[in-house]
Protein backbone atom coordinates (compact mmCIF):
# COMPACT_ATOMS: atom_id res chain seq x y z
CA MET A 1 20.30 -26.85 11.01
CA LYS A 2 17.83 -24.02 11.66
CA SER A 3 14.78 -24.05 9.37
CA SER A 4 14.01 -21.02 7.21
CA TYR A 5 11.68 -20.09 4.39
CA ASN A 6 13.10 -20.38 0.89
CA ASN A 7 11.67 -17.23 -0.66
CA PHE A 8 11.61 -14.65 2.13
CA LYS A 9 13.05 -14.08 5.59
CA LEU A 10 10.91 -13.87 8.70
CA ALA A 11 11.90 -11.36 11.38
CA LEU A 12 10.51 -10.52 14.82
CA TYR A 13 10.64 -6.99 16.22
CA CYS A 14 11.42 -6.85 19.95
CA PRO A 15 10.55 -3.46 21.55
CA ALA A 16 12.74 -2.10 24.34
CA PRO A 17 9.96 -2.28 27.00
CA ASP A 18 9.54 -6.02 26.32
CA LEU A 19 13.27 -6.67 26.78
CA PHE A 20 14.09 -4.24 29.57
CA SER A 21 13.83 -6.65 32.48
CA ILE A 22 12.87 -10.03 31.00
CA SER A 23 14.91 -13.02 32.15
CA ASN A 24 16.71 -15.28 29.69
CA THR A 25 14.59 -18.17 30.97
CA LYS A 26 11.33 -16.41 30.08
CA LEU A 27 12.75 -15.24 26.78
CA GLU A 28 13.71 -18.81 25.94
CA GLN A 29 10.24 -20.12 26.83
CA ASP A 30 8.55 -17.54 24.60
CA LEU A 31 10.90 -18.20 21.70
CA ASN A 32 10.36 -21.94 22.00
CA PHE A 33 6.64 -21.35 21.46
CA MET A 34 7.19 -19.03 18.48
CA GLU A 35 9.81 -21.22 16.82
CA LYS A 36 7.58 -24.25 17.17
CA HIS A 37 5.38 -22.63 14.53
CA LEU A 38 7.52 -20.00 12.78
CA ASN A 39 10.87 -20.23 10.98
CA LEU A 40 12.45 -17.11 12.44
CA SER A 41 15.57 -15.93 10.61
CA LYS A 42 16.07 -12.64 12.33
CA VAL A 43 15.17 -10.40 15.27
CA TYR A 44 15.33 -6.64 15.62
CA ILE A 45 16.39 -5.66 19.14
CA GLU A 46 15.13 -2.19 19.97
CA ASN A 47 17.40 -0.12 22.18
CA HIS A 48 15.13 2.91 22.63
CA ARG A 49 11.42 3.75 22.81
CA GLY A 50 9.92 6.67 24.71
CA ASP A 51 11.41 6.79 28.18
CA ILE A 52 13.09 3.37 27.99
CA SER A 53 16.65 2.96 26.71
CA LEU A 54 18.67 -0.25 26.96
CA SER A 55 22.32 -0.01 27.88
CA LYS A 56 25.05 -1.12 25.52
CA GLU A 57 25.86 -3.99 27.89
CA ARG A 58 22.24 -5.20 27.84
CA LEU A 59 22.12 -4.99 24.03
CA ILE A 60 25.30 -7.06 23.74
CA GLU A 61 23.85 -9.63 26.16
CA LEU A 62 20.60 -9.90 24.18
CA LYS A 63 22.45 -10.06 20.87
CA GLY A 64 24.50 -12.99 22.16
CA PHE A 65 21.37 -14.76 23.39
CA PHE A 66 19.63 -14.65 20.00
CA GLU A 67 22.75 -15.44 18.00
CA GLY A 68 23.25 -18.45 20.25
CA ARG A 69 19.94 -19.75 18.86
CA GLY A 70 21.11 -19.25 15.26
CA ILE A 71 19.04 -16.09 14.75
CA GLN A 72 20.45 -13.08 12.89
CA VAL A 73 20.30 -9.89 14.97
CA SER A 74 19.77 -6.27 13.94
CA GLY A 75 18.96 -3.15 15.92
CA GLY A 76 15.88 -0.99 16.08
CA ILE A 77 14.93 2.45 17.39
CA THR A 78 11.52 4.01 17.92
CA PRO A 79 12.19 7.79 17.77
CA THR A 80 9.96 8.95 20.62
CA LEU A 81 10.67 10.81 23.85
CA PRO A 82 8.62 11.41 27.01
CA ALA A 83 6.95 14.74 27.77
CA SER A 84 9.83 15.72 30.08
CA TYR A 85 11.93 16.51 26.97
CA ARG A 86 9.64 19.38 25.93
CA PRO A 87 7.78 20.50 29.06
CA GLY A 88 4.80 22.74 28.47
CA TYR A 89 4.17 21.56 24.89
CA SER A 90 1.99 18.62 23.87
CA ARG A 91 3.17 16.25 21.13
CA LEU A 92 1.09 13.40 19.74
CA PHE A 93 2.51 9.90 20.37
CA GLY A 94 5.69 11.21 21.98
CA SER A 95 7.08 12.40 18.66
CA ILE A 96 10.38 14.26 19.04
CA CYS A 97 10.85 18.01 18.76
CA TYR A 98 13.89 18.12 16.48
CA THR A 99 14.46 21.84 17.06
CA ASP A 100 15.14 21.23 20.77
CA PRO A 101 18.90 20.76 21.42
CA GLU A 102 18.41 18.38 24.36
CA SER A 103 15.96 16.19 22.41
CA ARG A 104 18.37 16.08 19.47
CA ARG A 105 21.23 15.12 21.79
CA LYS A 106 19.23 12.28 23.38
CA PHE A 107 18.13 10.90 20.00
CA GLN A 108 21.64 11.03 18.52
CA GLN A 109 22.98 9.30 21.63
CA GLN A 110 20.60 6.37 21.03
CA VAL A 111 21.62 6.17 17.37
CA GLU A 112 25.28 6.00 18.39
CA THR A 113 24.58 3.30 20.98
CA ALA A 114 22.78 1.16 18.40
CA ALA A 115 25.54 1.68 15.81
CA SER A 116 28.17 0.54 18.32
CA VAL A 117 26.42 -2.85 18.71
CA PHE A 118 24.57 -3.62 15.46
CA ASP A 119 25.49 -3.67 11.76
CA GLU A 120 21.92 -2.86 10.77
CA ILE A 121 19.43 -0.48 12.42
CA ILE A 122 15.79 -0.01 11.45
CA PHE A 123 13.90 3.12 12.51
CA ASP A 124 10.31 2.36 13.46
CA ASP A 125 7.63 4.52 11.86
CA PHE A 126 7.70 7.27 14.49
CA PHE A 127 10.52 9.05 12.66
CA PHE A 128 8.37 12.13 12.19
CA THR A 129 7.51 15.31 14.02
CA ASN A 130 4.24 17.03 14.85
CA CYS A 131 5.74 19.49 17.33
CA ALA A 132 4.40 23.06 17.13
CA CYS A 133 6.32 24.59 20.04
CA ASP A 134 7.31 28.25 20.01
CA TYR A 135 10.76 27.51 18.60
CA CYS A 136 9.33 25.32 15.82
CA LEU A 137 6.93 28.13 14.98
CA GLU A 138 9.79 30.63 14.86
CA LEU A 139 11.92 28.45 12.57
CA LYS A 140 8.96 27.59 10.35
CA GLY A 141 8.35 31.25 9.53
CA GLU A 142 6.13 31.73 6.50
CA ARG A 143 6.71 28.22 5.17
CA THR A 144 3.88 25.68 5.29
CA TRP A 145 4.13 22.93 7.89
CA GLU A 146 4.78 20.51 5.04
CA GLN A 147 7.71 22.52 3.67
CA PHE A 148 9.20 23.07 7.12
CA ARG A 149 8.92 19.47 8.27
CA LEU A 150 10.06 17.88 5.01
CA GLU A 151 13.23 19.97 5.13
CA LEU A 152 13.72 19.45 8.87
CA MET A 153 13.42 15.66 8.75
CA THR A 154 15.82 15.48 5.80
CA GLU A 155 18.37 17.38 7.90
CA VAL A 156 17.72 15.13 10.91
CA ALA A 157 18.24 11.99 8.81
CA GLU A 158 21.61 13.28 7.66
CA THR A 159 22.87 15.05 10.80
CA LEU A 160 21.51 12.93 13.65
CA ILE A 161 21.48 9.49 11.98
CA ARG A 162 23.73 8.95 8.98
CA ILE A 163 26.79 11.00 9.97
CA PRO A 164 27.08 9.90 13.63
CA ALA A 165 26.16 6.26 12.94
CA LYS A 166 28.69 5.89 10.10
CA ALA A 167 31.37 7.60 12.22
CA ILE A 168 31.04 4.86 14.83
CA ASN A 169 30.37 1.94 12.48
CA PRO A 170 31.18 2.70 8.82
CA SER A 171 29.58 -0.54 7.66
CA VAL A 172 26.26 -0.08 9.51
CA LYS A 173 23.17 -0.37 7.31
CA LEU A 174 20.55 2.26 8.15
CA VAL A 175 16.94 1.48 7.24
CA ILE A 176 13.97 3.84 7.37
CA LYS A 177 10.57 2.20 7.86
CA TYR A 178 7.82 4.23 6.23
CA PRO A 179 4.35 4.04 7.82
CA ASN A 180 1.17 2.76 6.22
CA TRP A 181 -0.38 6.28 6.12
CA ILE A 182 1.23 7.39 2.84
CA GLU A 183 -1.33 10.12 2.14
CA SER A 184 -0.08 12.06 5.19
CA TYR A 185 3.71 11.65 4.97
CA GLN A 186 4.41 15.26 4.01
CA ALA A 187 2.39 16.65 6.94
CA THR A 188 4.83 15.20 9.47
CA GLY A 189 8.10 15.23 7.54
CA TYR A 190 8.45 11.82 5.91
CA ASN A 191 10.36 12.81 2.78
CA THR A 192 10.26 10.10 0.11
CA GLU A 193 12.24 12.27 -2.31
CA THR A 194 15.33 12.89 -0.17
CA GLN A 195 15.48 10.25 2.55
CA PRO A 196 15.92 7.07 0.44
CA ALA A 197 19.30 8.42 -0.73
CA ILE A 198 20.37 9.12 2.87
CA PHE A 199 19.41 5.70 4.20
CA ASP A 200 20.91 2.42 2.99
CA GLY A 201 17.52 0.77 2.77
CA ILE A 202 13.80 1.35 3.13
CA TYR A 203 11.02 -0.71 4.70
CA ILE A 204 7.26 -0.37 4.64
CA GLY A 205 4.48 -0.84 7.13
CA THR A 206 1.96 -3.21 5.55
CA GLU A 207 -0.44 -3.10 8.51
CA THR A 208 -4.05 -2.72 7.35
CA ARG A 209 -6.08 -4.54 10.01
CA ASN A 210 -9.85 -3.88 9.92
CA PRO A 211 -10.73 -0.54 8.26
CA ALA A 212 -14.36 -0.82 9.43
CA ASN A 213 -13.40 -0.01 13.01
CA SER A 214 -9.76 1.09 12.87
CA GLN A 215 -8.59 4.65 13.44
CA GLN A 216 -6.40 4.54 10.33
CA ARG A 217 -9.16 3.71 7.78
CA ILE A 218 -6.72 1.94 5.45
CA PRO A 219 -8.24 -0.57 2.97
CA ARG A 220 -6.63 -3.99 3.18
CA TYR A 221 -5.21 -3.83 -0.37
CA ALA A 222 -2.69 -1.28 0.96
CA SER A 223 -0.61 -4.17 2.30
CA TYR A 224 0.23 -4.77 -1.37
CA SER A 225 0.06 -1.33 -3.01
CA LEU A 226 2.38 0.36 -0.50
CA LEU A 227 5.10 -2.17 -1.23
CA ARG A 228 4.71 -1.61 -4.96
CA TRP A 229 4.93 2.20 -4.69
CA MET A 230 7.95 1.94 -2.38
CA GLU A 231 9.75 -0.36 -4.81
CA GLN A 232 10.01 2.64 -7.16
CA LEU A 233 11.83 4.76 -4.54
CA LYS A 234 14.96 2.67 -4.18
CA PRO A 235 14.84 -0.27 -6.60
CA GLY A 236 16.42 -3.27 -4.93
CA GLY A 237 16.63 -1.40 -1.62
CA ASN A 238 13.14 -2.22 -0.35
CA GLY A 239 13.81 -4.56 2.56
CA GLY A 240 10.30 -5.84 3.20
CA GLY A 241 6.95 -5.37 4.92
CA TRP A 242 6.03 -5.10 8.59
CA PHE A 243 2.61 -5.89 10.06
CA ASP A 244 0.90 -6.60 13.39
CA SER A 245 -2.20 -8.16 14.94
CA LEU A 246 -3.70 -4.95 16.36
CA ASP A 247 -7.39 -4.38 15.54
CA CYS A 248 -7.58 -7.58 13.51
CA THR A 249 -11.23 -8.49 14.17
CA PHE A 250 -10.74 -11.90 12.59
CA ILE A 251 -7.62 -14.04 12.24
CA ASP A 252 -8.12 -13.81 8.47
CA TYR A 253 -7.46 -10.07 8.69
CA TYR A 254 -4.09 -10.79 10.25
CA LEU A 255 -3.20 -13.49 7.72
CA GLU A 256 -4.26 -11.29 4.79
CA GLN A 257 -1.50 -8.86 5.75
CA ALA A 258 0.98 -11.70 5.34
CA ASN A 259 -0.62 -12.77 2.05
CA LEU A 260 -0.44 -9.35 0.43
CA THR A 261 3.04 -8.62 1.76
CA VAL A 262 4.25 -11.79 0.03
CA PHE A 263 2.18 -11.09 -3.10
CA GLY A 264 3.93 -7.70 -3.25
CA LYS A 265 7.31 -9.50 -3.44
CA ALA A 266 8.67 -8.55 -0.02
CA LYS A 267 12.10 -10.05 0.68
CA GLU A 268 11.44 -10.05 4.42
CA LEU A 269 8.39 -10.06 6.67
CA THR A 270 8.74 -8.43 10.09
CA LEU A 271 6.26 -9.30 12.79
CA PHE A 272 5.38 -6.63 15.32
CA CYS A 273 5.96 -7.56 17.95
CA TYR A 274 7.42 -9.88 20.59
CA GLY A 275 5.05 -8.65 23.31
CA LEU A 276 1.92 -9.14 21.17
CA LEU A 277 2.85 -12.58 19.85
CA LYS A 278 4.63 -14.36 22.70
CA ASP A 279 1.39 -16.11 23.77
CA SER A 280 -0.92 -15.55 20.82
CA VAL A 281 -3.33 -17.68 18.83
CA TYR A 282 -2.13 -15.80 15.74
CA VAL A 283 1.26 -17.55 15.81
CA PRO A 284 0.19 -21.13 14.90
CA ALA A 285 -2.16 -19.80 12.20
CA LEU A 286 0.56 -17.62 10.73
CA GLY A 287 3.03 -20.52 10.72
CA PHE A 288 0.57 -22.61 8.71
CA GLN A 289 0.00 -19.74 6.30
CA LEU A 290 3.67 -18.88 5.78
CA ASN A 291 4.49 -22.44 4.72
CA LYS A 292 1.87 -22.13 1.98
CA LEU A 293 2.98 -18.61 1.02
CA ASP A 294 6.57 -19.79 0.67
CA ALA A 295 5.42 -22.19 -2.05
CA VAL A 296 3.42 -19.41 -3.74
CA ALA A 297 6.33 -16.95 -3.65
CA ALA A 298 8.54 -19.43 -5.52
CA GLU A 299 6.21 -19.18 -8.55
CA LEU A 300 5.77 -15.41 -8.83
CA GLY A 301 7.36 -13.20 -11.47
CA ASN A 302 7.34 -9.39 -11.35
CA PRO A 303 3.99 -7.74 -10.52
CA LYS A 304 2.02 -6.10 -13.32
CA GLY A 305 -0.97 -3.79 -13.12
CA LEU A 306 -2.58 -0.53 -14.14
CA LYS A 307 0.00 2.24 -13.72
CA VAL A 308 -1.17 4.90 -11.27
CA TYR A 309 0.66 8.22 -11.05
CA ASP A 310 1.02 9.11 -7.36
CA PRO A 311 3.74 11.78 -7.00
CA HIS A 312 5.88 12.45 -3.94
CA HIS A 313 4.17 14.45 -1.16
CA ALA A 314 0.77 14.18 -2.87
CA ARG A 315 -2.64 13.64 -1.41
CA GLY A 316 -6.17 13.74 -2.75
CA GLU A 317 -8.77 10.99 -3.26
CA ASP A 318 -6.95 9.21 -0.45
CA HIS A 319 -6.65 5.41 -0.72
CA LEU A 320 -8.49 5.30 -4.05
CA VAL A 321 -5.84 2.91 -5.39
CA ASN A 322 -6.71 0.47 -2.62
CA TYR A 323 -10.46 0.73 -3.10
CA LEU A 324 -10.00 0.00 -6.81
CA GLY A 325 -7.60 -2.82 -5.99
CA MET A 326 -10.31 -4.47 -3.91
CA LEU A 327 -12.64 -4.37 -6.92
CA GLY A 328 -10.32 -6.86 -8.62
CA ILE A 329 -8.28 -4.34 -10.64
CA PRO A 330 -4.50 -4.98 -10.46
CA MET A 331 -2.80 -1.71 -9.50
CA GLU A 332 0.81 -0.57 -9.87
CA PRO A 333 1.20 2.86 -8.22
CA SER A 334 4.34 4.86 -8.94
CA PRO A 335 5.81 8.26 -8.07
CA HIS A 336 6.90 8.53 -11.73
CA PHE A 337 4.71 9.40 -14.72
CA PRO A 338 5.40 6.92 -17.54
CA LYS A 339 7.12 8.06 -20.72
CA PRO A 340 5.13 7.81 -23.98
CA GLY A 341 5.23 4.21 -25.15
CA GLU A 342 6.36 2.90 -21.74
CA GLU A 343 2.80 2.03 -20.71
CA ALA A 344 -0.43 1.68 -22.68
CA MET A 345 -2.57 3.30 -19.99
CA VAL A 346 -2.10 5.41 -16.85
CA LEU A 347 -4.56 6.44 -14.15
CA VAL A 348 -4.35 9.99 -12.76
CA THR A 349 -6.16 11.03 -9.58
CA ALA A 350 -6.56 14.18 -7.51
CA ALA A 351 -3.15 13.34 -6.00
CA SER A 352 -1.58 13.46 -9.48
CA ALA A 353 -2.71 17.08 -9.85
CA LEU A 354 -0.06 18.12 -7.30
CA ASP A 355 2.46 17.87 -10.13
CA GLY A 356 2.51 21.29 -11.77
CA GLU A 357 3.65 19.71 -15.05
CA VAL A 358 1.07 16.93 -15.17
CA PHE A 359 -1.02 18.56 -17.91
CA GLY A 360 1.91 18.58 -20.33
CA LYS A 361 2.82 15.01 -19.46
CA ILE A 362 -0.72 13.80 -20.12
CA LYS A 363 -0.99 15.78 -23.35
CA ARG A 364 2.20 14.26 -24.78
CA PHE A 365 1.32 10.75 -23.57
CA VAL A 366 -2.15 10.74 -25.17
CA GLN A 367 -1.23 12.59 -28.33
CA LEU A 368 1.28 9.84 -29.16
CA GLY A 369 -1.30 7.07 -28.73
CA GLY A 370 -1.50 6.40 -24.99
CA HIS A 371 -4.66 6.16 -22.96
CA VAL A 372 -5.25 8.11 -19.75
CA VAL A 373 -8.01 7.50 -17.21
CA MET A 374 -8.78 10.66 -15.23
CA THR A 375 -10.79 10.50 -12.02
CA SER A 376 -13.48 13.04 -11.26
CA GLY A 377 -11.24 14.42 -8.51
CA PHE A 378 -8.44 15.00 -11.01
CA VAL A 379 -10.74 16.81 -13.45
CA GLU A 380 -12.00 19.02 -10.63
CA ALA A 381 -8.48 19.80 -9.37
CA MET A 382 -7.32 20.73 -12.88
CA GLN A 383 -9.99 23.36 -13.54
CA GLY A 384 -8.26 26.40 -15.05
CA ARG A 385 -5.02 24.44 -15.59
CA GLY A 386 -5.61 23.24 -19.15
CA ILE A 387 -8.13 20.46 -18.59
CA GLU A 388 -10.58 22.27 -20.87
CA HIS A 389 -8.30 21.34 -23.80
CA LEU A 390 -8.74 17.63 -23.04
CA THR A 391 -12.44 17.18 -22.16
CA THR A 392 -15.69 19.15 -22.02
CA LEU A 393 -16.53 17.71 -18.58
CA ARG A 394 -16.99 20.35 -15.85
CA PRO A 395 -18.03 19.85 -12.21
CA ASN A 396 -21.15 21.88 -11.37
CA GLY A 397 -21.00 21.40 -7.58
CA LYS A 398 -24.25 19.42 -7.36
CA LYS A 399 -24.82 15.92 -5.96
CA ILE A 400 -27.32 13.29 -7.02
CA ARG A 401 -28.19 9.77 -5.86
CA ILE A 402 -27.82 7.08 -8.50
CA GLY A 403 -29.25 3.56 -8.32
CA ARG A 404 -29.86 2.78 -12.00
CA PHE A 405 -27.17 2.63 -14.67
CA GLY A 406 -26.89 2.44 -18.43
CA VAL A 407 -23.91 0.84 -20.19
CA ALA A 408 -22.69 1.28 -23.80
CA THR A 409 -24.69 3.58 -26.07
CA ASP A 410 -26.93 1.95 -28.66
CA SER A 411 -28.40 4.53 -31.06
CA CYS A 412 -30.22 6.98 -28.73
CA THR A 413 -30.33 4.67 -25.73
CA PHE A 414 -28.07 2.09 -24.03
CA ARG A 415 -27.37 -1.55 -24.68
CA ASN A 416 -27.67 -2.66 -21.06
CA PHE A 417 -29.42 -1.38 -17.94
CA THR A 418 -28.86 -2.48 -14.36
CA GLU A 419 -29.93 -1.41 -10.89
CA GLY A 420 -28.33 -1.35 -7.46
CA GLU A 421 -28.27 0.46 -4.13
CA PRO A 422 -28.59 4.27 -4.58
CA LEU A 423 -25.20 6.00 -4.16
CA SER A 424 -24.29 9.69 -3.97
CA TYR A 425 -22.35 11.00 -6.99
CA PRO A 426 -20.98 14.42 -7.99
CA VAL A 427 -22.58 15.87 -11.12
CA PHE A 428 -20.51 16.88 -14.16
CA ASP A 429 -21.81 18.89 -17.10
CA TYR A 430 -20.46 18.14 -20.59
CA SER A 431 -21.01 18.87 -24.26
CA THR A 432 -22.96 16.16 -26.06
CA ASN A 433 -20.98 14.73 -28.99
CA GLY A 434 -17.87 16.57 -27.76
CA THR A 435 -17.46 14.01 -24.96
CA TRP A 436 -19.15 10.63 -25.17
CA GLN A 437 -20.73 8.20 -22.71
CA ARG A 438 -19.70 4.68 -21.71
CA ILE A 439 -21.56 4.42 -18.40
CA VAL A 440 -24.23 6.80 -17.09
CA GLY A 441 -26.35 6.93 -13.95
CA PHE A 442 -30.10 7.61 -13.98
CA ASN A 443 -32.26 9.49 -11.51
CA GLY A 444 -35.77 10.00 -12.79
CA ASP A 445 -35.65 11.50 -16.28
CA ASN A 446 -32.06 12.72 -15.81
CA ASN A 447 -28.77 10.93 -16.35
CA ILE A 448 -25.26 11.90 -15.26
CA PRO A 449 -21.79 10.81 -16.42
CA ILE A 450 -20.08 7.86 -14.70
CA VAL A 451 -17.53 6.86 -17.38
CA MET A 452 -16.94 9.22 -20.33
CA TYR A 453 -14.29 9.51 -23.02
CA ASP A 454 -12.62 12.02 -25.36
CA HIS A 455 -10.24 11.38 -28.25
CA TYR A 456 -7.03 13.41 -28.40
CA GLY A 457 -4.31 12.96 -31.00
CA LYS A 458 -3.80 9.22 -31.47
CA GLY A 459 -5.02 8.36 -27.95
CA THR A 460 -8.06 8.52 -25.71
CA LEU A 461 -8.85 10.19 -22.38
CA TYR A 462 -11.39 8.47 -20.13
CA THR A 463 -13.01 10.09 -17.10
CA LEU A 464 -14.15 7.91 -14.21
CA VAL A 465 -16.61 9.73 -11.94
CA LEU A 466 -16.42 8.32 -8.43
CA PRO A 467 -19.09 8.11 -5.73
CA ASP A 468 -18.66 10.51 -2.83
CA ASN A 469 -17.80 7.60 -0.53
CA PHE A 470 -15.16 5.43 -2.19
CA ALA A 471 -16.18 2.51 0.00
CA ASP A 472 -19.47 2.56 -1.93
CA LEU A 473 -17.64 1.27 -5.00
CA THR A 474 -18.15 -2.23 -3.56
CA LYS A 475 -21.93 -1.67 -3.74
CA LEU A 476 -21.99 -1.14 -7.51
CA PRO A 477 -23.90 -3.75 -9.53
CA VAL A 478 -21.72 -6.50 -10.96
CA ALA A 479 -22.45 -5.36 -14.53
CA ILE A 480 -21.03 -1.90 -13.74
CA LEU A 481 -18.02 -3.33 -11.89
CA ASP A 482 -17.26 -5.57 -14.85
CA GLU A 483 -17.47 -2.64 -17.28
CA ILE A 484 -15.11 -0.54 -15.14
CA ARG A 485 -12.73 -3.51 -14.87
CA CYS A 486 -12.90 -3.98 -18.64
CA LEU A 487 -11.76 -0.37 -19.12
CA LEU A 488 -9.02 -0.26 -16.49
CA THR A 489 -7.54 -3.68 -17.27
CA ASN A 490 -7.70 -3.30 -21.04
CA PRO A 491 -3.88 -3.29 -21.44
CA LEU A 492 -3.57 -6.45 -19.32
CA TRP A 493 -4.03 -10.04 -20.49
CA CYS A 494 -6.44 -11.15 -17.79
CA ARG A 495 -9.26 -9.72 -15.71
CA LEU A 496 -11.63 -10.68 -12.92
CA GLU A 497 -15.42 -10.64 -13.16
CA GLY A 498 -18.02 -10.84 -10.41
CA LYS A 499 -18.69 -9.17 -7.08
CA ALA A 500 -16.40 -6.71 -5.32
CA SER A 501 -14.15 -7.36 -2.30
CA ALA A 502 -11.69 -9.52 -4.19
CA SER A 503 -8.29 -8.72 -5.67
CA LEU A 504 -6.49 -9.96 -8.74
CA PHE A 505 -2.69 -10.00 -8.78
CA LEU A 506 -0.86 -10.44 -12.10
CA TYR A 507 2.81 -11.23 -12.76
CA ASP A 508 4.94 -11.06 -15.88
CA ASN A 509 5.46 -14.83 -15.99
CA HIS A 510 1.68 -15.23 -16.35
CA THR A 511 1.05 -16.38 -12.81
CA ILE A 512 -2.07 -14.93 -11.21
CA ILE A 513 -3.59 -14.81 -7.73
CA VAL A 514 -7.20 -14.18 -6.74
CA GLN A 515 -7.71 -13.19 -3.08
CA SER A 516 -11.14 -13.00 -1.46
CA PHE A 517 -11.82 -10.35 1.19
CA ARG A 518 -15.45 -11.34 1.62
CA THR A 519 -17.01 -12.80 4.75
CA ASP A 520 -19.06 -15.34 2.79
CA PRO A 521 -18.16 -17.86 0.03
CA GLU A 522 -18.36 -16.33 -3.44
CA THR A 523 -17.81 -17.22 -7.10
CA TRP A 524 -15.71 -15.15 -9.52
CA THR A 525 -14.77 -15.59 -13.16
CA ILE A 526 -11.23 -15.32 -14.47
CA ASN A 527 -11.40 -13.94 -18.03
CA ALA A 528 -8.29 -15.16 -19.88
CA PRO A 529 -7.08 -15.16 -23.51
CA ALA A 530 -8.42 -17.71 -25.98
CA GLY A 531 -6.63 -21.04 -25.83
CA SER A 532 -5.52 -20.53 -22.22
CA THR A 533 -5.24 -23.28 -19.65
CA LEU A 534 -5.12 -22.39 -15.96
CA ILE A 535 -2.85 -24.69 -13.98
CA PRO A 536 -3.35 -24.53 -10.18
CA LEU A 537 -0.12 -23.87 -8.26
CA ALA A 538 1.09 -25.12 -4.91
CA GLY A 539 0.37 -23.12 -1.76
CA ALA A 540 -3.14 -21.94 -2.63
CA SER A 541 -6.23 -22.31 -0.49
CA PRO A 542 -8.59 -25.13 -1.50
CA VAL A 543 -10.91 -23.97 -4.30
CA GLN A 544 -14.50 -25.11 -3.79
CA SER A 545 -15.18 -25.40 -7.52
CA HIS A 546 -13.42 -24.77 -10.81
CA ARG A 547 -15.39 -24.67 -14.07
CA LYS A 548 -14.21 -23.61 -17.50
CA HIS A 549 -16.03 -22.52 -20.66
CA GLU A 550 -15.41 -20.28 -23.67
CA GLU A 551 -17.26 -17.05 -24.38
CA ALA A 552 -16.70 -14.42 -27.10
CA GLY A 553 -13.29 -15.87 -27.96
CA ARG A 554 -12.10 -15.83 -24.33
CA VAL A 555 -11.56 -18.57 -21.78
CA MET A 556 -13.78 -18.11 -18.72
CA VAL A 557 -12.82 -20.00 -15.57
CA GLU A 558 -15.21 -19.86 -12.63
CA ILE A 559 -13.72 -20.30 -9.15
CA ARG A 560 -15.47 -20.33 -5.79
CA LEU A 561 -13.48 -19.20 -2.75
CA ASN A 562 -14.14 -19.30 0.96
CA PRO A 563 -13.72 -16.13 3.05
CA GLY A 564 -10.08 -15.04 3.23
CA ALA A 565 -9.00 -17.71 0.73
CA TYR A 566 -6.84 -17.20 -2.34
CA ALA A 567 -6.21 -19.18 -5.52
CA THR A 568 -3.01 -19.20 -7.60
CA TYR A 569 -2.65 -20.25 -11.23
CA GLN A 570 -0.19 -20.35 -14.08
CA ILE A 571 -1.84 -19.27 -17.34
CA VAL A 572 -0.47 -21.40 -20.17
CA ASN A 573 -1.43 -20.67 -23.77
């Protein structure tokens, strides 16, 4: 009987160029290597990419080959076309011009071919358009590119995919894979409001790689946060996460994508792709890791974290959720603002300000006893939109470098002072005693707000002023990181203390995971409720040390992790 993982499926994506002329003998050799290390349940056979399209006969032959090995088979399409389909106009990455009749005909033809062979088709994350040809310009008119492309790609999903595919195969399952660049969806037509209802399922790219040298600049926590945001789009319809080995400077960077995809509760992991992995050192390492992750996944409940309001089509303070997540703050982003009483606290960012009704939502939420954390970008974006009724903070347009901090007011000074590397911060003016200080930054005889708060109704509004470079958050002194964590995790039962570049994942059955992203061994403290016992769970990396003591009525457990390692525990009271 074919081996499989107990808590998720493992799939391999096979691009059309890799399968176009490969012999069954070579295909068998490559699969023997992969299946020596990986428990493959499924393959996606791609019938079209760019200028390569596989015939129906070839697809049927390949489908029979994989099924003969006990592997489930689905179809895949990468919606790209060569330059010959729109001569005279440049398009990035071969994206399709969906206003061109011949391009539309070719794409629909490939959808129909796939639907005639497969009962499931996934659309790789090139289902967008960046065409600005004369006809696109004419149809766009006075609309913004975002408005035009969001509407166009909704029509394409319905007219060129759903209707023709279902006509040929009424039972075919159509799955849209959303890319990892969520902050830019609306610019190229990915419509998270309309498309999930058109497709039978959604999927998410959890590729993060190495942001220090990668074109996409996506912090590694996104492998988790993207899954969590997507789960809100089509509950139960999120098929899984898809990642690759491109630009992974270290093997750990590749394995971390697998870790966080599993931590985010993906039902399926898709490996891109056959051509990259058929003779790769990543395969044995991943096989080792997936066996451990399968044991971890068996223990996890539903993820919990700080609710972050990130509406559809929004951008602003890009990737902030992921930078905060890598400070050890559990995050739960959502396209929906919570109702009063549904959550104790919600974080709003510059992206949240896209919602024209956000002021009223915040006002009701706080007035009834909720707590809202506003970022400096949100406060700036809401100038003239009612924010003056919630706080006296105002951006003055100046910048200042901060390397010394004060925490918690004590009479006319602060209880604690700490120093670190100087960082550039925006300056906000405020009314003393109208808005109060929790953390400030010093430069000479001046201090500026870092964390402030205002009371409103039965609740409280906090403002978190962010450094100009969000990556600099990792350079903050530990005392400041711990104070920010204390604020943002206040509604949660557990928090992490110590240096940055580590993540804490919490679940409703009181399991927790701590993942290190550092390149050197480091010690962190898990701050848990009084009377807690932390029971190590199967599947974790070896922990170098584990020490427990009590402090201020809390249980403090110190753990030391190697680079790329993670620890899993059940918290028992």
